[in-house]
C-alpha cells in the first residue's frame, strides 16, 4: 500500500503545479535594439502555446523591426504612446490600444511622446528565437527581416473599452484570444482551461485571487498567473479599487 500512497501523493503534486504565480521580480530580461524587455511567461516555465513579455521603452527608443515565422504577435500599450513601424511607415497607438500582428508581417515599435511607454506582448505559439537576439535587425551586420508588409493586415483595437474579448478569431487571431477585464472588489468571473490549453492572467492594476477548487492563488500589480492544462477557475478582484487584468487564452 505504501508505494501506491507515494505515487498518489506525487500525482497530486504534479496536478497542483498547473497553476503558477509568477512575480514580476522573477521575470528575465532580454534586449532588442534600444529596449530591454522582461520574459514573464515563456517555454522555460513549460509554456508551449503562449508567451508574455513586458517592455518599458524610453522616448524615441526602438524595438527593431522583425518577423515571427510561425507566431502571431499582439502588442498592448498600457502606458504612453508608441508607433508601430513597418518599413518607413509609422502608425501611432496609445495607452489602451493594441496591435494584432499576424504571422510573417514585418513590425517593430518606436516610442513616441515625451514619457516612457509600458507595453506587454504575447506571441502564439512562442518564438524562442526572439529571446536570443537573432531577430535584432539593428545589430551591426544584421540582415533586414525577411517577411511581408501587407496593408491592413495589422489590426488595431481599443482594448480598454472592452470588457471581455478584444482579439479573437473574427479579427484573425486563431491561435489565441485576448481579453480585458476591470473588476471591483470581490467581483468575479469563471474561466475554464481545456486539456492541453494554457491561460495567462496579467495584473496591470490592483490585485487578483484565483481559485481552482483546491487552492487560492494571489497576484499583485505586474504579477501573472499562468495556467497550463485542464482547470476550472474562479477569477476574483482582490483590491479596494479596480483590478485591471489582461487574460490570454491559448486553447
Protein backbone atom coordinates (compact mmCIF):
# COMPACT_ATOMS: atom_id res chain seq x y z
CA UNK A 1 0.00 0.00 0.00
CA UNK A 2 2.85 2.43 0.73
CA UNK A 3 4.11 2.63 -2.86
CA UNK A 4 0.57 3.37 -4.03
CA UNK A 5 0.24 6.17 -1.47
CA UNK A 6 3.54 7.68 -2.53
CA UNK A 7 2.52 7.51 -6.21
CA UNK A 8 -0.86 9.09 -5.42
CA UNK A 9 0.77 11.95 -3.49
CA UNK A 10 3.21 12.56 -6.34
CA UNK A 11 0.36 12.64 -8.86
CA UNK A 12 -1.45 15.25 -6.78
CA UNK A 13 1.72 17.36 -6.58
CA UNK A 14 2.14 17.30 -10.35
CA UNK A 15 -1.51 18.23 -10.82
CA UNK A 16 -1.18 21.17 -8.42
CA UNK A 17 1.66 22.62 -10.46
CA UNK A 18 -0.55 23.51 -13.41
CA UNK A 19 -1.35 26.87 -11.76
CA UNK A 20 1.64 29.08 -11.06
CA UNK A 21 2.04 32.64 -9.78
CA UNK A 22 4.91 34.46 -11.49
CA UNK A 23 6.10 37.53 -9.62
CA UNK A 24 7.37 40.34 -11.82
CA UNK A 25 10.65 40.24 -9.89
CA UNK A 26 11.15 36.68 -11.23
CA UNK A 27 11.00 37.75 -14.88
CA UNK A 28 14.13 37.54 -17.04
CA UNK A 29 15.50 40.46 -19.11
CA UNK A 30 16.29 40.35 -22.81
CA UNK A 31 17.30 43.19 -25.11
CA UNK A 32 16.28 44.11 -28.65
CA UNK A 33 17.74 47.29 -30.12
CA UNK A 34 17.35 50.07 -27.56
CA UNK A 35 14.66 48.34 -25.48
CA UNK A 36 15.09 45.96 -22.56
CA UNK A 37 12.09 43.69 -22.07
CA UNK A 38 11.18 41.07 -19.48
CA UNK A 39 10.22 37.47 -20.19
CA UNK A 40 7.33 36.60 -17.89
CA UNK A 41 5.67 33.51 -19.41
CA UNK A 42 7.96 31.53 -21.72
CA UNK A 43 8.93 27.96 -22.65
CA UNK A 44 11.45 27.83 -19.83
CA UNK A 45 8.43 27.68 -17.50
CA UNK A 46 6.79 24.96 -19.57
CA UNK A 47 4.71 27.25 -21.84
CA UNK A 48 4.08 25.63 -25.22
CA UNK A 49 1.33 27.81 -26.69
CA UNK A 50 1.89 31.34 -25.41
CA UNK A 51 4.42 33.81 -24.11
CA UNK A 52 4.05 37.07 -22.22
CA UNK A 53 6.65 39.84 -22.28
CA UNK A 54 6.72 43.33 -20.73
CA UNK A 55 8.72 46.24 -22.15
CA UNK A 56 9.47 49.67 -20.72
CA UNK A 57 10.68 51.87 -23.56
CA UNK A 58 12.08 55.40 -23.32
CA UNK A 59 11.11 58.17 -25.78
CA UNK A 60 12.42 57.51 -29.31
CA UNK A 61 13.75 54.07 -28.30
CA UNK A 62 13.20 51.44 -30.98
CA UNK A 63 12.35 47.77 -30.66
CA UNK A 64 13.75 46.80 -34.08
CA UNK A 65 11.66 45.51 -36.96
CA UNK A 66 11.45 41.73 -37.03
CA UNK A 67 9.26 38.86 -38.17
CA UNK A 68 7.76 35.89 -36.36
CA UNK A 69 7.92 32.86 -38.67
CA UNK A 70 5.11 30.87 -37.04
CA UNK A 71 3.73 33.18 -34.35
CA UNK A 72 1.05 35.85 -34.17
CA UNK A 73 2.08 38.84 -32.05
CA UNK A 74 -0.28 41.01 -30.01
CA UNK A 75 1.15 44.24 -28.55
CA UNK A 76 -0.73 46.23 -25.91
CA UNK A 77 0.22 49.76 -24.83
CA UNK A 78 -0.52 50.08 -21.12
CA UNK A 79 1.13 53.48 -20.63
CA UNK A 80 2.39 56.16 -23.02
CA UNK A 81 2.43 56.26 -26.81
CA UNK A 82 4.08 54.01 -29.39
CA UNK A 83 4.47 53.98 -33.15
CA UNK A 84 4.18 50.62 -34.85
CA UNK A 85 6.85 50.66 -37.53
CA UNK A 86 6.61 48.71 -40.79
CA UNK A 87 9.35 49.71 -43.20
CA UNK A 88 9.20 53.51 -43.35
CA UNK A 89 5.60 53.62 -42.16
CA UNK A 90 4.70 54.67 -38.61
CA UNK A 91 1.26 54.18 -37.08
CA UNK A 92 0.61 55.71 -33.65
CA UNK A 93 -1.26 53.79 -30.97
CA UNK A 94 -1.65 54.85 -27.35
CA UNK A 95 -2.39 53.55 -23.86
CA UNK A 96 -5.50 51.38 -24.02
CA UNK A 97 -4.89 50.29 -27.61
CA UNK A 98 -3.31 47.18 -29.08
CA UNK A 99 -1.95 45.95 -32.39
CA UNK A 100 -2.56 42.41 -33.62
CA UNK A 101 0.30 41.40 -35.96
CA UNK A 102 -0.27 38.20 -37.98
CA UNK A 103 2.50 35.69 -38.64
CA UNK A 104 5.04 36.81 -41.24
CA UNK A 105 4.37 40.57 -41.04
CA UNK A 106 7.40 42.83 -40.56
CA UNK A 107 6.94 45.04 -37.50
CA UNK A 108 8.71 46.92 -34.71
CA UNK A 109 7.95 49.77 -32.32
CA UNK A 110 9.32 53.27 -31.71
CA UNK A 111 8.30 55.06 -28.53
CA UNK A 112 6.50 58.35 -29.18
CA UNK A 113 5.60 61.17 -26.82
CA UNK A 114 7.73 62.56 -24.00
CA UNK A 115 7.43 59.80 -21.41
CA UNK A 116 8.24 56.13 -21.10
CA UNK A 117 5.93 53.61 -22.73
CA UNK A 118 4.92 50.39 -20.99
CA UNK A 119 3.86 47.54 -23.26
CA UNK A 120 3.04 43.88 -22.90
CA UNK A 121 3.01 41.45 -25.80
CA UNK A 122 2.05 37.85 -26.27
CA UNK A 123 3.18 35.55 -29.06
CA UNK A 124 1.30 32.42 -30.06
CA UNK A 125 2.94 29.96 -30.26
CA UNK A 126 6.20 31.01 -28.52
CA UNK A 127 9.04 32.37 -30.64
CA UNK A 128 12.21 31.11 -28.96
CA UNK A 129 14.48 32.90 -31.43
CA UNK A 130 13.21 36.29 -30.22
CA UNK A 131 14.96 35.87 -26.89
CA UNK A 132 18.34 35.05 -28.42
CA UNK A 133 18.71 38.45 -30.10
CA UNK A 134 18.92 36.84 -33.54
CA UNK A 135 15.87 38.84 -34.70
CA UNK A 136 17.52 42.17 -33.79
CA UNK A 137 17.78 43.90 -37.19
CA UNK A 138 19.67 46.85 -35.64
CA UNK A 139 22.71 44.76 -34.73
CA UNK A 140 25.85 45.51 -36.70
CA UNK A 141 25.91 43.35 -39.84
CA UNK A 142 22.35 42.08 -39.31
CA UNK A 143 20.26 41.32 -42.40
CA UNK A 144 16.89 43.04 -42.87
CA UNK A 145 13.95 40.97 -41.63
CA UNK A 146 12.50 38.57 -44.19
CA UNK A 147 8.78 38.98 -44.26
CA UNK A 148 5.98 41.00 -45.82
CA UNK A 149 4.18 44.26 -45.18
CA UNK A 150 0.57 43.80 -46.22
CA UNK A 151 -1.59 46.93 -45.99
CA UNK A 152 -4.40 46.38 -43.50
CA UNK A 153 -3.01 43.08 -42.18
CA UNK A 154 -2.14 44.56 -38.77
CA UNK A 155 -5.33 45.26 -36.82
CA UNK A 156 -5.62 48.00 -34.19
CA UNK A 157 -8.13 47.66 -31.35
CA UNK A 158 -9.08 49.77 -28.33
CA UNK A 159 -8.89 47.04 -25.67
CA UNK A 160 -9.54 49.48 -22.81
CA UNK A 161 -13.17 49.91 -23.83
CA UNK A 162 -13.75 46.15 -23.93
CA UNK A 163 -14.98 44.04 -21.03
CA UNK A 164 -14.11 40.64 -22.45
CA UNK A 165 -12.56 39.70 -25.78
CA UNK A 166 -10.57 42.29 -27.70
CA UNK A 167 -8.88 39.81 -30.05
CA UNK A 168 -10.49 36.64 -31.34
CA UNK A 169 -10.88 34.56 -34.49
CA UNK A 170 -13.07 37.24 -36.06
CA UNK A 171 -10.06 39.58 -36.03
CA UNK A 172 -7.83 36.88 -37.47
CA UNK A 173 -6.43 35.73 -34.12
CA UNK A 174 -6.93 31.97 -34.44
CA UNK A 175 -4.07 30.81 -32.19
CA UNK A 176 -5.13 32.68 -29.04
CA UNK A 177 -7.59 35.24 -27.72
CA UNK A 178 -7.01 38.28 -25.55
CA UNK A 179 -9.50 39.67 -23.03
CA UNK A 180 -9.56 42.76 -20.84
CA UNK A 181 -11.40 42.97 -17.52
CA UNK A 182 -11.88 45.59 -14.82
CA UNK A 183 -13.06 44.01 -11.59
CA UNK A 184 -14.35 45.72 -8.47
CA UNK A 185 -13.53 44.21 -5.08
CA UNK A 186 -14.85 40.61 -4.90
CA UNK A 187 -16.34 40.77 -8.40
CA UNK A 188 -15.60 37.56 -10.28
CA UNK A 189 -15.86 35.57 -13.45
CA UNK A 190 -15.27 31.93 -14.30
CA UNK A 191 -12.63 30.61 -16.66
CA UNK A 192 -12.02 27.11 -17.97
CA UNK A 193 -8.82 25.69 -19.44
CA UNK A 194 -9.21 22.66 -21.64
CA UNK A 195 -6.82 19.70 -21.71
CA UNK A 196 -3.63 20.87 -23.41
CA UNK A 197 -4.63 24.54 -23.18
CA UNK A 198 -2.90 27.47 -21.49
CA UNK A 199 -4.14 30.71 -19.93
CA UNK A 200 -2.43 33.80 -18.59
CA UNK A 201 -3.83 36.42 -16.19
CA UNK A 202 -1.63 39.52 -16.06
CA UNK A 203 -2.43 42.11 -13.38
CA UNK A 204 -1.84 45.65 -14.56
CA UNK A 205 -3.56 47.38 -11.63
CA UNK A 206 -4.94 46.16 -8.32
CA UNK A 207 -4.77 42.57 -7.09
CA UNK A 208 -6.26 39.22 -8.03
CA UNK A 209 -7.35 35.97 -6.44
CA UNK A 210 -7.75 32.82 -8.50
CA UNK A 211 -9.36 29.65 -7.09
CA UNK A 212 -9.09 26.24 -8.72
CA UNK A 213 -11.21 24.33 -6.19
CA UNK A 214 -8.18 23.17 -4.21
CA UNK A 215 -6.11 26.27 -3.61
CA UNK A 216 -6.25 30.06 -3.75
CA UNK A 217 -3.57 31.93 -5.73
CA UNK A 218 -2.94 35.66 -5.27
CA UNK A 219 -1.21 38.14 -7.56
CA UNK A 220 -0.43 41.85 -7.23
CA UNK A 221 0.40 44.54 -9.77
CA UNK A 222 2.55 43.29 -12.68
CA UNK A 223 2.31 39.73 -11.37
CA UNK A 224 0.97 36.96 -13.58
CA UNK A 225 -0.93 33.73 -13.00
CA UNK A 226 -0.07 31.08 -15.59
CA UNK A 227 -2.30 28.03 -16.02
CA UNK A 228 -1.26 25.02 -18.06
CA UNK A 229 -3.63 22.10 -18.59
CA UNK A 230 -7.17 21.34 -17.55
CA UNK A 231 -8.60 23.62 -14.87
CA UNK A 232 -11.82 25.30 -13.79
CA UNK A 233 -11.13 28.67 -12.21
CA UNK A 234 -12.82 31.46 -10.34
CA UNK A 235 -11.12 34.82 -11.00
CA UNK A 236 -11.80 37.49 -8.35
CA UNK A 237 -10.87 41.15 -7.92
CA UNK A 238 -8.91 41.48 -4.68
CA UNK A 239 -8.17 45.22 -4.37
CA UNK A 240 -10.17 48.00 -2.75
CA UNK A 241 -10.31 49.87 -6.04
CA UNK A 242 -10.45 48.48 -9.56
CA UNK A 243 -8.36 45.49 -10.60
CA UNK A 244 -7.41 45.59 -14.27
CA UNK A 245 -6.24 42.38 -15.91
CA UNK A 246 -5.35 41.01 -19.31
CA UNK A 247 -6.30 37.38 -19.96
CA UNK A 248 -4.70 35.34 -22.74
CA UNK A 249 -6.30 32.03 -23.77
CA UNK A 250 -4.37 29.63 -25.97
CA UNK A 251 -6.55 26.52 -26.46
